[in-house]
């Protein structure tokens, strides 16, 4: 009886529908953008002739998280649509003087660097193991994306936005988001036990986007863990 039970279980593992492939799935992921922006300390002259200064601390490895939806019904490739959000706070100290050289405006507060990326990706399994069940898969892919990226506080940003004595630096209001396009490549490992509609994975993605005006990164890797639910 025990032998028959073992044979039935093995048969289900190797031939059950959905043990190797799913029609579609969705899930969440989280990790880090693997880059940093150096600290800065600079004095400069605004367009209307007054002196200003900015001290900015280092912006290190923003926390990245998001969600993804994919279609696994195609015979050779998978299609995935994902959204990434990455944020990191950093401290700035800003001073501006009057035409007479007196202190006119002073800020010492936190600013937020953030980005939102929407990715469309084509993926392909390069290697799967064991046969039929395909519990472990190594895959690669690439695609295109749209990104909203906040400018980084720097001399160029302040010169462009403080044009007169009446203009004030308001970290919450003055930072505008700019839309940028780009491409990406990725590689990952997926583990999906048979008969269980849950897949775990680790993925590294390299994003390239058009240049920003205010020291925002244009190329960077992201490393994160993924959990997906297959159907």
C-alpha atoms as a PDB file:
ATOM      1  CA  UNK A   1       0.000   0.000   0.000  1.00  0.00           C
ATOM      2  CA  UNK A   2       2.835   2.364   0.873  1.00  0.00           C
ATOM      3  CA  UNK A   3       4.527   1.664  -2.455  1.00  0.00           C
ATOM      4  CA  UNK A   4       1.295   2.418  -4.336  1.00  0.00           C
ATOM      5  CA  UNK A   5       0.902   5.677  -2.427  1.00  0.00           C
ATOM      6  CA  UNK A   6       4.466   6.724  -3.301  1.00  0.00           C
ATOM      7  CA  UNK A   7       3.883   5.897  -6.967  1.00  0.00           C
ATOM      8  CA  UNK A   8       0.685   7.966  -7.046  1.00  0.00           C
ATOM      9  CA  UNK A   9       2.430  10.957  -5.447  1.00  0.00           C
ATOM     10  CA  UNK A  10       5.349  10.762  -7.877  1.00  0.00           C
ATOM     11  CA  UNK A  11       2.976  10.519 -10.813  1.00  0.00           C
ATOM     12  CA  UNK A  12       1.120  13.622  -9.682  1.00  0.00           C
ATOM     13  CA  UNK A  13       4.350  15.549  -9.233  1.00  0.00           C
ATOM     14  CA  UNK A  14       5.586  14.787 -12.718  1.00  0.00           C
ATOM     15  CA  UNK A  15       2.406  14.971 -14.806  1.00  0.00           C
ATOM     16  CA  UNK A  16      -0.005  17.197 -12.931  1.00  0.00           C
ATOM     17  CA  UNK A  17      -1.171  20.202 -14.973  1.00  0.00           C
ATOM     18  CA  UNK A  18       0.402  23.425 -13.780  1.00  0.00           C
ATOM     19  CA  UNK A  19       3.340  21.746 -12.053  1.00  0.00           C
ATOM     20  CA  UNK A  20       5.767  23.251 -14.537  1.00  0.00           C
ATOM     21  CA  UNK A  21       3.819  26.124 -16.084  1.00  0.00           C
ATOM     22  CA  UNK A  22       1.155  28.595 -15.021  1.00  0.00           C
ATOM     23  CA  UNK A  23      -1.187  30.603 -17.180  1.00  0.00           C
ATOM     24  CA  UNK A  24      -0.498  33.832 -15.305  1.00  0.00           C
ATOM     25  CA  UNK A  25       0.649  35.120 -11.950  1.00  0.00           C
ATOM     26  CA  UNK A  26       1.152  38.168  -9.819  1.00  0.00           C
ATOM     27  CA  UNK A  27       3.220  39.077  -6.802  1.00  0.00           C
ATOM     28  CA  UNK A  28       5.404  41.550  -4.930  1.00  0.00           C
ATOM     29  CA  UNK A  29       9.112  42.275  -4.709  1.00  0.00           C
ATOM     30  CA  UNK A  30      11.464  44.311  -2.567  1.00  0.00           C
ATOM     31  CA  UNK A  31      15.161  45.154  -2.347  1.00  0.00           C
ATOM     32  CA  UNK A  32      17.623  47.982  -3.014  1.00  0.00           C
ATOM     33  CA  UNK A  33      18.765  50.237  -5.829  1.00  0.00           C
ATOM     34  CA  UNK A  34      22.497  49.580  -5.828  1.00  0.00           C
ATOM     35  CA  UNK A  35      23.955  53.072  -6.199  1.00  0.00           C
ATOM     36  CA  UNK A  36      24.578  56.193  -4.143  1.00  0.00           C
ATOM     37  CA  UNK A  37      24.841  59.937  -4.783  1.00  0.00           C
ATOM     38  CA  UNK A  38      27.811  61.671  -3.167  1.00  0.00           C
ATOM     39  CA  UNK A  39      27.419  64.324  -0.507  1.00  0.00           C
ATOM     40  CA  UNK A  40      27.954  67.914  -1.612  1.00  0.00           C
ATOM     41  CA  UNK A  41      28.792  71.298  -0.140  1.00  0.00           C
ATOM     42  CA  UNK A  42      28.851  74.333  -2.412  1.00  0.00           C
ATOM     43  CA  UNK A  43      28.438  78.106  -2.524  1.00  0.00           C
ATOM     44  CA  UNK A  44      27.155  79.819  -5.656  1.00  0.00           C
ATOM     45  CA  UNK A  45      25.472  82.925  -7.033  1.00  0.00           C
ATOM     46  CA  UNK A  46      21.791  82.945  -7.971  1.00  0.00           C
ATOM     47  CA  UNK A  47      20.643  84.552 -11.235  1.00  0.00           C
ATOM     48  CA  UNK A  48      19.648  87.847  -9.623  1.00  0.00           C
ATOM     49  CA  UNK A  49      23.062  88.330  -8.032  1.00  0.00           C
ATOM     50  CA  UNK A  50      22.862  87.080  -4.422  1.00  0.00           C
ATOM     51  CA  UNK A  51      24.996  84.432  -2.735  1.00  0.00           C
ATOM     52  CA  UNK A  52      23.583  81.069  -1.666  1.00  0.00           C
ATOM     53  CA  UNK A  53      24.955  77.822  -0.288  1.00  0.00           C
ATOM     54  CA  UNK A  54      23.850  74.200  -0.086  1.00  0.00           C
ATOM     55  CA  UNK A  55      25.093  71.303   2.046  1.00  0.00           C
ATOM     56  CA  UNK A  56      23.694  67.889   1.063  1.00  0.00           C
ATOM     57  CA  UNK A  57      24.365  64.561   2.734  1.00  0.00           C
ATOM     58  CA  UNK A  58      25.019  61.378   0.784  1.00  0.00           C
ATOM     59  CA  UNK A  59      22.039  59.589  -0.740  1.00  0.00           C
ATOM     60  CA  UNK A  60      22.693  55.886  -0.363  1.00  0.00           C
ATOM     61  CA  UNK A  61      20.960  52.854  -1.883  1.00  0.00           C
ATOM     62  CA  UNK A  62      17.249  53.728  -1.988  1.00  0.00           C
ATOM     63  CA  UNK A  63      14.850  51.049  -0.769  1.00  0.00           C
ATOM     64  CA  UNK A  64      12.961  49.582  -3.748  1.00  0.00           C
ATOM     65  CA  UNK A  65       9.646  47.733  -3.689  1.00  0.00           C
ATOM     66  CA  UNK A  66       6.797  47.041  -6.073  1.00  0.00           C
ATOM     67  CA  UNK A  67       4.479  44.581  -7.733  1.00  0.00           C
ATOM     68  CA  UNK A  68       4.403  42.501 -10.904  1.00  0.00           C
ATOM     69  CA  UNK A  69       1.963  40.647 -13.139  1.00  0.00           C
ATOM     70  CA  UNK A  70       3.061  38.117 -15.735  1.00  0.00           C
ATOM     71  CA  UNK A  71       1.640  35.832 -18.418  1.00  0.00           C
ATOM     72  CA  UNK A  72       3.182  32.358 -18.698  1.00  0.00           C
ATOM     73  CA  UNK A  73       0.826  30.911 -21.305  1.00  0.00           C
ATOM     74  CA  UNK A  74       3.074  31.540 -24.310  1.00  0.00           C
ATOM     75  CA  UNK A  75       5.177  28.548 -25.436  1.00  0.00           C
ATOM     76  CA  UNK A  76       8.654  30.151 -25.443  1.00  0.00           C
ATOM     77  CA  UNK A  77       8.620  33.460 -23.567  1.00  0.00           C
ATOM     78  CA  UNK A  78       6.886  35.078 -20.606  1.00  0.00           C
ATOM     79  CA  UNK A  79       5.521  38.611 -20.555  1.00  0.00           C
ATOM     80  CA  UNK A  80       5.715  40.714 -17.388  1.00  0.00           C
ATOM     81  CA  UNK A  81       4.414  44.143 -16.390  1.00  0.00           C
ATOM     82  CA  UNK A  82       5.908  45.516 -13.168  1.00  0.00           C
ATOM     83  CA  UNK A  83       6.034  48.687 -11.107  1.00  0.00           C
ATOM     84  CA  UNK A  84       8.998  49.749  -8.946  1.00  0.00           C
ATOM     85  CA  UNK A  85       9.024  52.464  -6.291  1.00  0.00           C
ATOM     86  CA  UNK A  86      12.334  53.535  -4.733  1.00  0.00           C
ATOM     87  CA  UNK A  87      12.759  56.177  -2.011  1.00  0.00           C
ATOM     88  CA  UNK A  88      15.488  57.542   0.228  1.00  0.00           C
ATOM     89  CA  UNK A  89      15.475  60.590   2.500  1.00  0.00           C
ATOM     90  CA  UNK A  90      18.529  62.850   2.763  1.00  0.00           C
ATOM     91  CA  UNK A  91      19.271  66.001   4.733  1.00  0.00           C
ATOM     92  CA  UNK A  92      20.000  69.419   3.230  1.00  0.00           C
ATOM     93  CA  UNK A  93      21.007  72.778   4.669  1.00  0.00           C
ATOM     94  CA  UNK A  94      20.311  75.780   2.429  1.00  0.00           C
ATOM     95  CA  UNK A  95      21.094  79.463   2.961  1.00  0.00           C
ATOM     96  CA  UNK A  96      20.428  82.525   0.816  1.00  0.00           C
ATOM     97  CA  UNK A  97      21.560  86.084   1.448  1.00  0.00           C
ATOM     98  CA  UNK A  98      20.074  89.458   0.551  1.00  0.00           C
ATOM     99  CA  UNK A  99      21.660  91.913  -1.874  1.00  0.00           C
ATOM    100  CA  UNK A 100      23.140  93.591   1.205  1.00  0.00           C
ATOM    101  CA  UNK A 101      24.808  90.323   2.250  1.00  0.00           C
ATOM    102  CA  UNK A 102      22.472  89.568   5.172  1.00  0.00           C
ATOM    103  CA  UNK A 103      20.875  86.157   5.762  1.00  0.00           C
ATOM    104  CA  UNK A 104      17.492  86.084   3.969  1.00  0.00           C
ATOM    105  CA  UNK A 105      16.393  82.431   3.863  1.00  0.00           C
ATOM    106  CA  UNK A 106      17.611  79.355   5.734  1.00  0.00           C
ATOM    107  CA  UNK A 107      16.423  75.731   5.584  1.00  0.00           C
ATOM    108  CA  UNK A 108      17.696  72.666   7.400  1.00  0.00           C
ATOM    109  CA  UNK A 109      15.414  69.741   6.665  1.00  0.00           C
ATOM    110  CA  UNK A 110      14.966  66.405   4.948  1.00  0.00           C
ATOM    111  CA  UNK A 111      14.363  66.035   1.236  1.00  0.00           C
ATOM    112  CA  UNK A 112      13.241  62.853  -0.502  1.00  0.00           C
ATOM    113  CA  UNK A 113      14.750  61.253  -3.563  1.00  0.00           C
ATOM    114  CA  UNK A 114      12.200  59.015  -5.240  1.00  0.00           C
ATOM    115  CA  UNK A 115      11.473  57.256  -8.472  1.00  0.00           C
ATOM    116  CA  UNK A 116       8.558  55.300  -9.919  1.00  0.00           C
ATOM    117  CA  UNK A 117       9.292  52.940 -12.805  1.00  0.00           C
ATOM    118  CA  UNK A 118       6.798  51.052 -14.976  1.00  0.00           C
ATOM    119  CA  UNK A 119       8.472  48.160 -16.819  1.00  0.00           C
ATOM    120  CA  UNK A 120       7.336  45.948 -19.712  1.00  0.00           C
ATOM    121  CA  UNK A 121       9.577  42.876 -19.922  1.00  0.00           C
ATOM    122  CA  UNK A 122      10.002  39.798 -22.121  1.00  0.00           C
ATOM    123  CA  UNK A 123      11.517  36.888 -20.156  1.00  0.00           C
ATOM    124  CA  UNK A 124      12.846  33.492 -21.202  1.00  0.00           C
ATOM    125  CA  UNK A 125      13.969  30.525 -19.130  1.00  0.00           C
ATOM    126  CA  UNK A 126      17.587  29.657 -19.928  1.00  0.00           C
ATOM    127  CA  UNK A 127      17.871  26.573 -17.738  1.00  0.00           C
ATOM    128  CA  UNK A 128      15.389  24.527 -15.703  1.00  0.00           C
ATOM    129  CA  UNK A 129      15.842  21.617 -13.318  1.00  0.00           C
ATOM    130  CA  UNK A 130      14.728  18.892 -12.849  1.00  0.00           C
ATOM    131  CA  UNK A 131      13.120  17.876 -16.172  1.00  0.00           C
ATOM    132  CA  UNK A 132       9.314  18.116 -16.531  1.00  0.00           C
ATOM    133  CA  UNK A 133       8.764  19.512 -13.049  1.00  0.00           C
ATOM    134  CA  UNK A 134      11.100  22.499 -13.575  1.00  0.00           C
ATOM    135  CA  UNK A 135      11.277  23.404  -9.913  1.00  0.00           C
ATOM    136  CA  UNK A 136      14.313  25.693 -10.367  1.00  0.00           C
ATOM    137  CA  UNK A 137      14.690  28.026 -13.338  1.00  0.00           C
ATOM    138  CA  UNK A 138      17.392  30.474 -14.391  1.00  0.00           C
ATOM    139  CA  UNK A 139      15.933  33.166 -16.639  1.00  0.00           C
ATOM    140  CA  UNK A 140      16.888  36.379 -18.394  1.00  0.00           C
ATOM    141  CA  UNK A 141      14.974  39.153 -20.088  1.00  0.00           C
ATOM    142  CA  UNK A 142      14.744  42.771 -21.109  1.00  0.00           C
ATOM    143  CA  UNK A 143      12.355  45.485 -22.145  1.00  0.00           C
ATOM    144  CA  UNK A 144      11.375  49.134 -21.908  1.00  0.00           C
ATOM    145  CA  UNK A 145      10.194  51.404 -19.122  1.00  0.00           C
ATOM    146  CA  UNK A 146       8.785  54.781 -18.160  1.00  0.00           C
ATOM    147  CA  UNK A 147      10.167  56.557 -15.089  1.00  0.00           C
ATOM    148  CA  UNK A 148       9.174  59.458 -12.868  1.00  0.00           C
ATOM    149  CA  UNK A 149      12.274  60.672 -11.014  1.00  0.00           C
ATOM    150  CA  UNK A 150      12.556  63.519  -8.524  1.00  0.00           C
ATOM    151  CA  UNK A 151      15.457  65.912  -9.106  1.00  0.00           C
ATOM    152  CA  UNK A 152      18.266  65.924  -6.543  1.00  0.00           C
ATOM    153  CA  UNK A 153      18.919  69.108  -4.610  1.00  0.00           C
ATOM    154  CA  UNK A 154      22.027  70.696  -6.165  1.00  0.00           C
ATOM    155  CA  UNK A 155      23.322  74.042  -7.412  1.00  0.00           C
ATOM    156  CA  UNK A 156      21.746  73.721 -10.867  1.00  0.00           C
ATOM    157  CA  UNK A 157      18.329  72.924  -9.398  1.00  0.00           C
ATOM    158  CA  UNK A 158      18.377  75.946  -7.073  1.00  0.00           C
ATOM    159  CA  UNK A 159      19.650  78.338  -9.757  1.00  0.00           C
ATOM    160  CA  UNK A 160      16.852  77.207 -12.089  1.00  0.00           C
ATOM    161  CA  UNK A 161      14.103  77.577  -9.460  1.00  0.00           C
ATOM    162  CA  UNK A 162      15.118  80.575  -7.335  1.00  0.00           C
ATOM    163  CA  UNK A 163      14.850  83.445  -9.785  1.00  0.00           C
ATOM    164  CA  UNK A 164      13.950  86.364  -7.494  1.00  0.00           C
ATOM    165  CA  UNK A 165      13.870  87.345  -3.805  1.00  0.00           C
ATOM    166  CA  UNK A 166      10.212  86.320  -3.694  1.00  0.00           C
ATOM    167  CA  UNK A 167      10.947  82.685  -4.698  1.00  0.00           C
ATOM    168  CA  UNK A 168      11.237  80.394  -1.682  1.00  0.00           C
ATOM    169  CA  UNK A 169      12.736  76.938  -1.350  1.00  0.00           C
ATOM    170  CA  UNK A 170       9.906  74.618  -0.294  1.00  0.00           C
ATOM    171  CA  UNK A 171      11.124  71.038  -0.400  1.00  0.00           C
ATOM    172  CA  UNK A 172       7.580  69.631  -0.542  1.00  0.00           C
ATOM    173  CA  UNK A 173       6.298  71.907  -3.306  1.00  0.00           C
ATOM    174  CA  UNK A 174       9.204  72.950  -5.496  1.00  0.00           C
ATOM    175  CA  UNK A 175      10.529  69.502  -6.442  1.00  0.00           C
ATOM    176  CA  UNK A 176       8.891  68.553  -9.723  1.00  0.00           C
ATOM    177  CA  UNK A 177       8.835  65.089 -11.216  1.00  0.00           C
ATOM    178  CA  UNK A 178      10.157  64.547 -14.716  1.00  0.00           C
ATOM    179  CA  UNK A 179       9.136  61.698 -17.007  1.00  0.00           C
ATOM    180  CA  UNK A 180      11.986  59.777 -18.589  1.00  0.00           C
ATOM    181  CA  UNK A 181      12.113  56.721 -20.834  1.00  0.00           C
ATOM    182  CA  UNK A 182      14.591  53.880 -20.744  1.00  0.00           C
ATOM    183  CA  UNK A 183      15.400  50.219 -21.172  1.00  0.00           C
ATOM    184  CA  UNK A 184      16.439  47.414 -18.875  1.00  0.00           C
ATOM    185  CA  UNK A 185      17.937  43.937 -18.743  1.00  0.00           C
ATOM    186  CA  UNK A 186      17.527  41.377 -15.983  1.00  0.00           C
ATOM    187  CA  UNK A 187      18.554  37.931 -14.813  1.00  0.00           C
ATOM    188  CA  UNK A 188      17.009  35.880 -12.051  1.00  0.00           C
ATOM    189  CA  UNK A 189      16.460  32.546 -10.361  1.00  0.00           C
ATOM    190  CA  UNK A 190      12.956  31.221  -9.675  1.00  0.00           C
ATOM    191  CA  UNK A 191      12.005  28.337  -7.365  1.00  0.00           C
ATOM    192  CA  UNK A 192       8.510  26.900  -7.729  1.00  0.00           C
ATOM    193  CA  UNK A 193       7.757  23.602  -5.989  1.00  0.00           C
ATOM    194  CA  UNK A 194       5.292  21.415  -7.921  1.00  0.00           C
ATOM    195  CA  UNK A 195       1.644  21.395  -6.829  1.00  0.00           C
ATOM    196  CA  UNK A 196       2.144  24.665  -4.898  1.00  0.00           C
ATOM    197  CA  UNK A 197       0.975  27.909  -6.570  1.00  0.00           C
ATOM    198  CA  UNK A 198       3.734  29.993  -4.997  1.00  0.00           C
ATOM    199  CA  UNK A 199       7.089  30.882  -6.566  1.00  0.00           C
ATOM    200  CA  UNK A 200      10.071  32.495  -4.843  1.00  0.00           C
ATOM    201  CA  UNK A 201      12.922  34.188  -6.621  1.00  0.00           C
ATOM    202  CA  UNK A 202      15.889  36.534  -6.611  1.00  0.00           C
ATOM    203  CA  UNK A 203      16.356  38.977  -9.482  1.00  0.00           C
ATOM    204  CA  UNK A 204      18.937  41.551 -10.563  1.00  0.00           C
ATOM    205  CA  UNK A 205      17.803  44.274 -12.979  1.00  0.00           C
ATOM    206  CA  UNK A 206      19.955  46.861 -14.746  1.00  0.00           C
ATOM    207  CA  UNK A 207      18.035  50.002 -15.711  1.00  0.00           C
ATOM    208  CA  UNK A 208      19.155  52.608 -18.255  1.00  0.00           C
ATOM    209  CA  UNK A 209      17.233  55.839 -18.757  1.00  0.00           C
ATOM    210  CA  UNK A 210      17.640  59.212 -20.405  1.00  0.00           C
ATOM    211  CA  UNK A 211      19.856  61.751 -18.643  1.00  0.00           C
ATOM    212  CA  UNK A 212      18.370  63.978 -15.961  1.00  0.00           C
ATOM    213  CA  UNK A 213      19.174  67.637 -15.348  1.00  0.00           C
ATOM    214  CA  UNK A 214      19.912  67.543 -11.617  1.00  0.00           C
ATOM    215  CA  UNK A 215      22.348  64.703 -10.820  1.00  0.00           C
ATOM    216  CA  UNK A 216      19.696  61.968 -10.919  1.00  0.00           C
ATOM    217  CA  UNK A 217      21.182  58.570 -11.823  1.00  0.00           C
ATOM    218  CA  UNK A 218      20.638  57.420 -15.397  1.00  0.00           C
ATOM    219  CA  UNK A 219      21.995  53.858 -15.032  1.00  0.00           C
ATOM    220  CA  UNK A 220      21.713  51.650 -11.969  1.00  0.00           C
ATOM    221  CA  UNK A 221      21.225  48.032 -10.875  1.00  0.00           C
ATOM    222  CA  UNK A 222      18.453  46.874  -8.567  1.00  0.00           C
ATOM    223  CA  UNK A 223      18.556  43.635  -6.586  1.00  0.00           C
ATOM    224  CA  UNK A 224      15.445  42.234  -4.935  1.00  0.00           C
ATOM    225  CA  UNK A 225      13.582  39.166  -3.779  1.00  0.00           C
ATOM    226  CA  UNK A 226      10.262  38.169  -5.354  1.00  0.00           C
ATOM    227  CA  UNK A 227       7.214  36.187  -4.281  1.00  0.00           C
ATOM    228  CA  UNK A 228       4.621  35.273  -6.918  1.00  0.00           C
ATOM    229  CA  UNK A 229       1.301  33.453  -6.947  1.00  0.00           C
ATOM    230  CA  UNK A 230       0.646  31.302 -10.031  1.00  0.00           C
ATOM    231  CA  UNK A 231      -2.689  30.356 -11.575  1.00  0.00           C
END
